[in-house]
């Protein structure tokens, strides 16, 4: 029997989508959540200011201001798109225990987004932390719609 109540993953992905709306031309949003389901940090894509300032990096930086980073293994980062190799590496270095994302890198590429063709699981496979949990496709169609609209606007301008 399917639950009529949204899962924590759906609730947090919707939160990430709300954050992503803050940057309509690059609508990437992330939230970091603790084991109790409390949002610890949020991040948006700020790559217009700095090319490495992706939403995951923004959220990790905010989280590090709040938490000393001694043990983030119970934290989950929710992000509207699969983390790029740079962001996935930062997530690994931070010790965050799990990644949940909406749109995949492959999906973004087919829409016209410039992406390094390296999945988050491939980055994990090359790291010391092969135990990290990833889950893709959460509210994927909603996330994909965000990116399709942003690409259309960029092409029109």
C-alpha atoms as a PDB file:
ATOM      1  CA  UNK A   1       0.000   0.000   0.000  1.00  0.00           C
ATOM      2  CA  UNK A   2       1.382   3.401  -0.997  1.00  0.00           C
ATOM      3  CA  UNK A   3       1.415   6.093   1.660  1.00  0.00           C
ATOM      4  CA  UNK A   4      -0.521   9.280   0.930  1.00  0.00           C
ATOM      5  CA  UNK A   5       1.986  11.164   3.087  1.00  0.00           C
ATOM      6  CA  UNK A   6       5.158  12.455   1.488  1.00  0.00           C
ATOM      7  CA  UNK A   7       8.399  10.856   2.617  1.00  0.00           C
ATOM      8  CA  UNK A   8      11.098  12.843   4.402  1.00  0.00           C
ATOM      9  CA  UNK A   9      13.083  12.643   1.143  1.00  0.00           C
ATOM     10  CA  UNK A  10      10.249  14.300  -0.793  1.00  0.00           C
ATOM     11  CA  UNK A  11       9.745  16.969   1.880  1.00  0.00           C
ATOM     12  CA  UNK A  12      13.441  17.839   1.946  1.00  0.00           C
ATOM     13  CA  UNK A  13      13.723  17.812  -1.852  1.00  0.00           C
ATOM     14  CA  UNK A  14      10.810  20.234  -2.030  1.00  0.00           C
ATOM     15  CA  UNK A  15      12.703  22.408   0.444  1.00  0.00           C
ATOM     16  CA  UNK A  16      15.774  22.260  -1.828  1.00  0.00           C
ATOM     17  CA  UNK A  17      13.562  23.259  -4.782  1.00  0.00           C
ATOM     18  CA  UNK A  18      12.328  26.303  -2.836  1.00  0.00           C
ATOM     19  CA  UNK A  19      15.958  27.263  -2.158  1.00  0.00           C
ATOM     20  CA  UNK A  20      16.820  26.735  -5.845  1.00  0.00           C
ATOM     21  CA  UNK A  21      14.197  29.316  -6.868  1.00  0.00           C
ATOM     22  CA  UNK A  22      16.484  32.007  -5.438  1.00  0.00           C
ATOM     23  CA  UNK A  23      18.665  31.679  -8.547  1.00  0.00           C
ATOM     24  CA  UNK A  24      16.364  31.211 -11.562  1.00  0.00           C
ATOM     25  CA  UNK A  25      19.197  31.070 -14.125  1.00  0.00           C
ATOM     26  CA  UNK A  26      21.053  28.319 -12.220  1.00  0.00           C
ATOM     27  CA  UNK A  27      18.350  26.732 -10.037  1.00  0.00           C
ATOM     28  CA  UNK A  28      20.520  24.384  -8.012  1.00  0.00           C
ATOM     29  CA  UNK A  29      19.544  24.104  -4.355  1.00  0.00           C
ATOM     30  CA  UNK A  30      20.797  22.015  -1.446  1.00  0.00           C
ATOM     31  CA  UNK A  31      19.869  21.399   2.169  1.00  0.00           C
ATOM     32  CA  UNK A  32      21.763  19.498   4.846  1.00  0.00           C
ATOM     33  CA  UNK A  33      19.598  17.652   7.348  1.00  0.00           C
ATOM     34  CA  UNK A  34      20.527  15.963  10.628  1.00  0.00           C
ATOM     35  CA  UNK A  35      19.307  12.567  11.854  1.00  0.00           C
ATOM     36  CA  UNK A  36      16.242  14.212  13.449  1.00  0.00           C
ATOM     37  CA  UNK A  37      15.164  15.647  10.093  1.00  0.00           C
ATOM     38  CA  UNK A  38      16.107  19.204  11.102  1.00  0.00           C
ATOM     39  CA  UNK A  39      17.547  21.437   8.372  1.00  0.00           C
ATOM     40  CA  UNK A  40      21.052  22.438   9.464  1.00  0.00           C
ATOM     41  CA  UNK A  41      22.132  24.396   6.371  1.00  0.00           C
ATOM     42  CA  UNK A  42      20.943  25.537   2.956  1.00  0.00           C
ATOM     43  CA  UNK A  43      22.800  26.424  -0.202  1.00  0.00           C
ATOM     44  CA  UNK A  44      22.166  27.964  -3.606  1.00  0.00           C
ATOM     45  CA  UNK A  45      24.330  28.116  -6.707  1.00  0.00           C
ATOM     46  CA  UNK A  46      26.458  31.270  -6.569  1.00  0.00           C
ATOM     47  CA  UNK A  47      28.752  30.422  -9.470  1.00  0.00           C
ATOM     48  CA  UNK A  48      28.266  33.901 -10.973  1.00  0.00           C
ATOM     49  CA  UNK A  49      30.311  35.159  -7.994  1.00  0.00           C
ATOM     50  CA  UNK A  50      32.770  32.263  -7.875  1.00  0.00           C
ATOM     51  CA  UNK A  51      32.862  29.295 -10.287  1.00  0.00           C
ATOM     52  CA  UNK A  52      33.325  26.817  -7.420  1.00  0.00           C
ATOM     53  CA  UNK A  53      30.416  28.127  -5.346  1.00  0.00           C
ATOM     54  CA  UNK A  54      27.853  25.448  -6.184  1.00  0.00           C
ATOM     55  CA  UNK A  55      24.829  24.861  -3.939  1.00  0.00           C
ATOM     56  CA  UNK A  56      26.428  21.885  -2.187  1.00  0.00           C
ATOM     57  CA  UNK A  57      29.551  23.934  -1.407  1.00  0.00           C
ATOM     58  CA  UNK A  58      27.371  26.798  -0.155  1.00  0.00           C
ATOM     59  CA  UNK A  59      25.463  24.416   2.155  1.00  0.00           C
ATOM     60  CA  UNK A  60      28.666  22.757   3.428  1.00  0.00           C
ATOM     61  CA  UNK A  61      30.175  26.182   4.177  1.00  0.00           C
ATOM     62  CA  UNK A  62      27.042  27.244   6.067  1.00  0.00           C
ATOM     63  CA  UNK A  63      27.008  23.943   7.955  1.00  0.00           C
ATOM     64  CA  UNK A  64      30.650  24.338   8.970  1.00  0.00           C
ATOM     65  CA  UNK A  65      29.829  27.716  10.532  1.00  0.00           C
ATOM     66  CA  UNK A  66      27.204  26.016  12.715  1.00  0.00           C
ATOM     67  CA  UNK A  67      28.857  22.641  13.388  1.00  0.00           C
ATOM     68  CA  UNK A  68      32.563  22.019  13.899  1.00  0.00           C
ATOM     69  CA  UNK A  69      32.437  19.092  11.475  1.00  0.00           C
ATOM     70  CA  UNK A  70      33.711  16.476  13.859  1.00  0.00           C
ATOM     71  CA  UNK A  71      31.083  13.969  12.832  1.00  0.00           C
ATOM     72  CA  UNK A  72      28.635  14.660  10.023  1.00  0.00           C
ATOM     73  CA  UNK A  73      28.093  10.988   9.222  1.00  0.00           C
ATOM     74  CA  UNK A  74      24.431  11.192  10.292  1.00  0.00           C
ATOM     75  CA  UNK A  75      23.782  14.161   7.999  1.00  0.00           C
ATOM     76  CA  UNK A  76      22.074  13.878   4.625  1.00  0.00           C
ATOM     77  CA  UNK A  77      22.522  16.415   1.860  1.00  0.00           C
ATOM     78  CA  UNK A  78      19.531  16.870  -0.426  1.00  0.00           C
ATOM     79  CA  UNK A  79      20.310  18.498  -3.727  1.00  0.00           C
ATOM     80  CA  UNK A  80      18.142  19.229  -6.735  1.00  0.00           C
ATOM     81  CA  UNK A  81      20.750  17.742  -9.078  1.00  0.00           C
ATOM     82  CA  UNK A  82      23.332  15.005  -8.781  1.00  0.00           C
ATOM     83  CA  UNK A  83      26.502  16.534  -7.344  1.00  0.00           C
ATOM     84  CA  UNK A  84      29.279  17.210  -9.839  1.00  0.00           C
ATOM     85  CA  UNK A  85      32.645  15.581  -9.172  1.00  0.00           C
ATOM     86  CA  UNK A  86      33.910  18.697  -7.337  1.00  0.00           C
ATOM     87  CA  UNK A  87      30.873  18.810  -5.056  1.00  0.00           C
ATOM     88  CA  UNK A  88      30.819  15.056  -4.532  1.00  0.00           C
ATOM     89  CA  UNK A  89      34.457  15.194  -3.453  1.00  0.00           C
ATOM     90  CA  UNK A  90      33.647  18.018  -1.011  1.00  0.00           C
ATOM     91  CA  UNK A  91      30.743  15.985   0.369  1.00  0.00           C
ATOM     92  CA  UNK A  92      33.070  13.030   0.895  1.00  0.00           C
ATOM     93  CA  UNK A  93      35.710  15.203   2.588  1.00  0.00           C
ATOM     94  CA  UNK A  94      33.054  16.710   4.868  1.00  0.00           C
ATOM     95  CA  UNK A  95      31.999  13.276   6.108  1.00  0.00           C
ATOM     96  CA  UNK A  96      28.320  13.699   5.258  1.00  0.00           C
ATOM     97  CA  UNK A  97      26.778  10.233   5.345  1.00  0.00           C
ATOM     98  CA  UNK A  98      24.301  10.307   2.474  1.00  0.00           C
ATOM     99  CA  UNK A  99      23.370  12.176  -0.695  1.00  0.00           C
ATOM    100  CA  UNK A 100      19.843  12.393  -2.096  1.00  0.00           C
ATOM    101  CA  UNK A 101      19.340  14.140  -5.437  1.00  0.00           C
ATOM    102  CA  UNK A 102      16.667  14.870  -8.024  1.00  0.00           C
ATOM    103  CA  UNK A 103      17.996  15.244 -11.572  1.00  0.00           C
ATOM    104  CA  UNK A 104      20.917  13.102 -12.709  1.00  0.00           C
ATOM    105  CA  UNK A 105      24.049  14.377 -14.433  1.00  0.00           C
ATOM    106  CA  UNK A 106      22.980  12.467 -17.559  1.00  0.00           C
ATOM    107  CA  UNK A 107      19.597  14.180 -17.498  1.00  0.00           C
ATOM    108  CA  UNK A 108      21.206  17.615 -17.142  1.00  0.00           C
ATOM    109  CA  UNK A 109      23.509  16.865 -20.075  1.00  0.00           C
ATOM    110  CA  UNK A 110      20.595  15.935 -22.332  1.00  0.00           C
ATOM    111  CA  UNK A 111      18.966  19.280 -21.442  1.00  0.00           C
ATOM    112  CA  UNK A 112      22.073  21.199 -22.449  1.00  0.00           C
ATOM    113  CA  UNK A 113      23.719  21.837 -19.081  1.00  0.00           C
ATOM    114  CA  UNK A 114      27.516  21.630 -19.137  1.00  0.00           C
ATOM    115  CA  UNK A 115      28.458  18.775 -16.845  1.00  0.00           C
ATOM    116  CA  UNK A 116      31.548  16.663 -16.229  1.00  0.00           C
ATOM    117  CA  UNK A 117      30.497  13.158 -17.252  1.00  0.00           C
ATOM    118  CA  UNK A 118      31.317  11.514 -13.933  1.00  0.00           C
ATOM    119  CA  UNK A 119      28.544  10.264 -11.671  1.00  0.00           C
ATOM    120  CA  UNK A 120      28.547  10.680  -7.913  1.00  0.00           C
ATOM    121  CA  UNK A 121      28.809   6.907  -7.534  1.00  0.00           C
ATOM    122  CA  UNK A 122      31.914   6.876  -9.748  1.00  0.00           C
ATOM    123  CA  UNK A 123      33.533   9.478  -7.477  1.00  0.00           C
ATOM    124  CA  UNK A 124      32.627   7.385  -4.432  1.00  0.00           C
ATOM    125  CA  UNK A 125      34.034   4.236  -6.077  1.00  0.00           C
ATOM    126  CA  UNK A 126      37.403   5.980  -6.481  1.00  0.00           C
ATOM    127  CA  UNK A 127      37.442   7.216  -2.872  1.00  0.00           C
ATOM    128  CA  UNK A 128      38.252   5.660   0.452  1.00  0.00           C
ATOM    129  CA  UNK A 129      34.586   5.931   1.528  1.00  0.00           C
ATOM    130  CA  UNK A 130      32.811   3.304  -0.499  1.00  0.00           C
ATOM    131  CA  UNK A 131      30.086   3.015   2.131  1.00  0.00           C
ATOM    132  CA  UNK A 132      28.397   6.350   1.381  1.00  0.00           C
ATOM    133  CA  UNK A 133      24.710   6.111   0.542  1.00  0.00           C
ATOM    134  CA  UNK A 134      23.308   7.832  -2.545  1.00  0.00           C
ATOM    135  CA  UNK A 135      19.754   7.988  -3.805  1.00  0.00           C
ATOM    136  CA  UNK A 136      18.829   9.627  -7.075  1.00  0.00           C
ATOM    137  CA  UNK A 137      15.570  10.409  -8.781  1.00  0.00           C
ATOM    138  CA  UNK A 138      13.714  11.931  -5.820  1.00  0.00           C
ATOM    139  CA  UNK A 139      11.132  14.285  -7.378  1.00  0.00           C
ATOM    140  CA  UNK A 140      13.173  13.913 -10.545  1.00  0.00           C
ATOM    141  CA  UNK A 141      10.510  15.194 -12.926  1.00  0.00           C
ATOM    142  CA  UNK A 142       9.947  18.331 -10.848  1.00  0.00           C
ATOM    143  CA  UNK A 143      13.688  18.975 -10.686  1.00  0.00           C
ATOM    144  CA  UNK A 144      14.070  18.290 -14.421  1.00  0.00           C
ATOM    145  CA  UNK A 145      11.297  20.836 -15.144  1.00  0.00           C
ATOM    146  CA  UNK A 146      13.242  23.489 -13.229  1.00  0.00           C
ATOM    147  CA  UNK A 147      16.340  22.850 -15.318  1.00  0.00           C
ATOM    148  CA  UNK A 148      14.454  22.694 -18.625  1.00  0.00           C
ATOM    149  CA  UNK A 149      12.853  26.088 -17.929  1.00  0.00           C
ATOM    150  CA  UNK A 150      16.189  27.632 -16.924  1.00  0.00           C
ATOM    151  CA  UNK A 151      17.880  26.350 -20.109  1.00  0.00           C
ATOM    152  CA  UNK A 152      15.034  27.726 -22.246  1.00  0.00           C
ATOM    153  CA  UNK A 153      15.380  31.144 -20.572  1.00  0.00           C
ATOM    154  CA  UNK A 154      19.151  31.146 -21.067  1.00  0.00           C
ATOM    155  CA  UNK A 155      18.779  30.259 -24.747  1.00  0.00           C
ATOM    156  CA  UNK A 156      16.117  32.954 -25.241  1.00  0.00           C
ATOM    157  CA  UNK A 157      18.279  35.701 -23.776  1.00  0.00           C
END
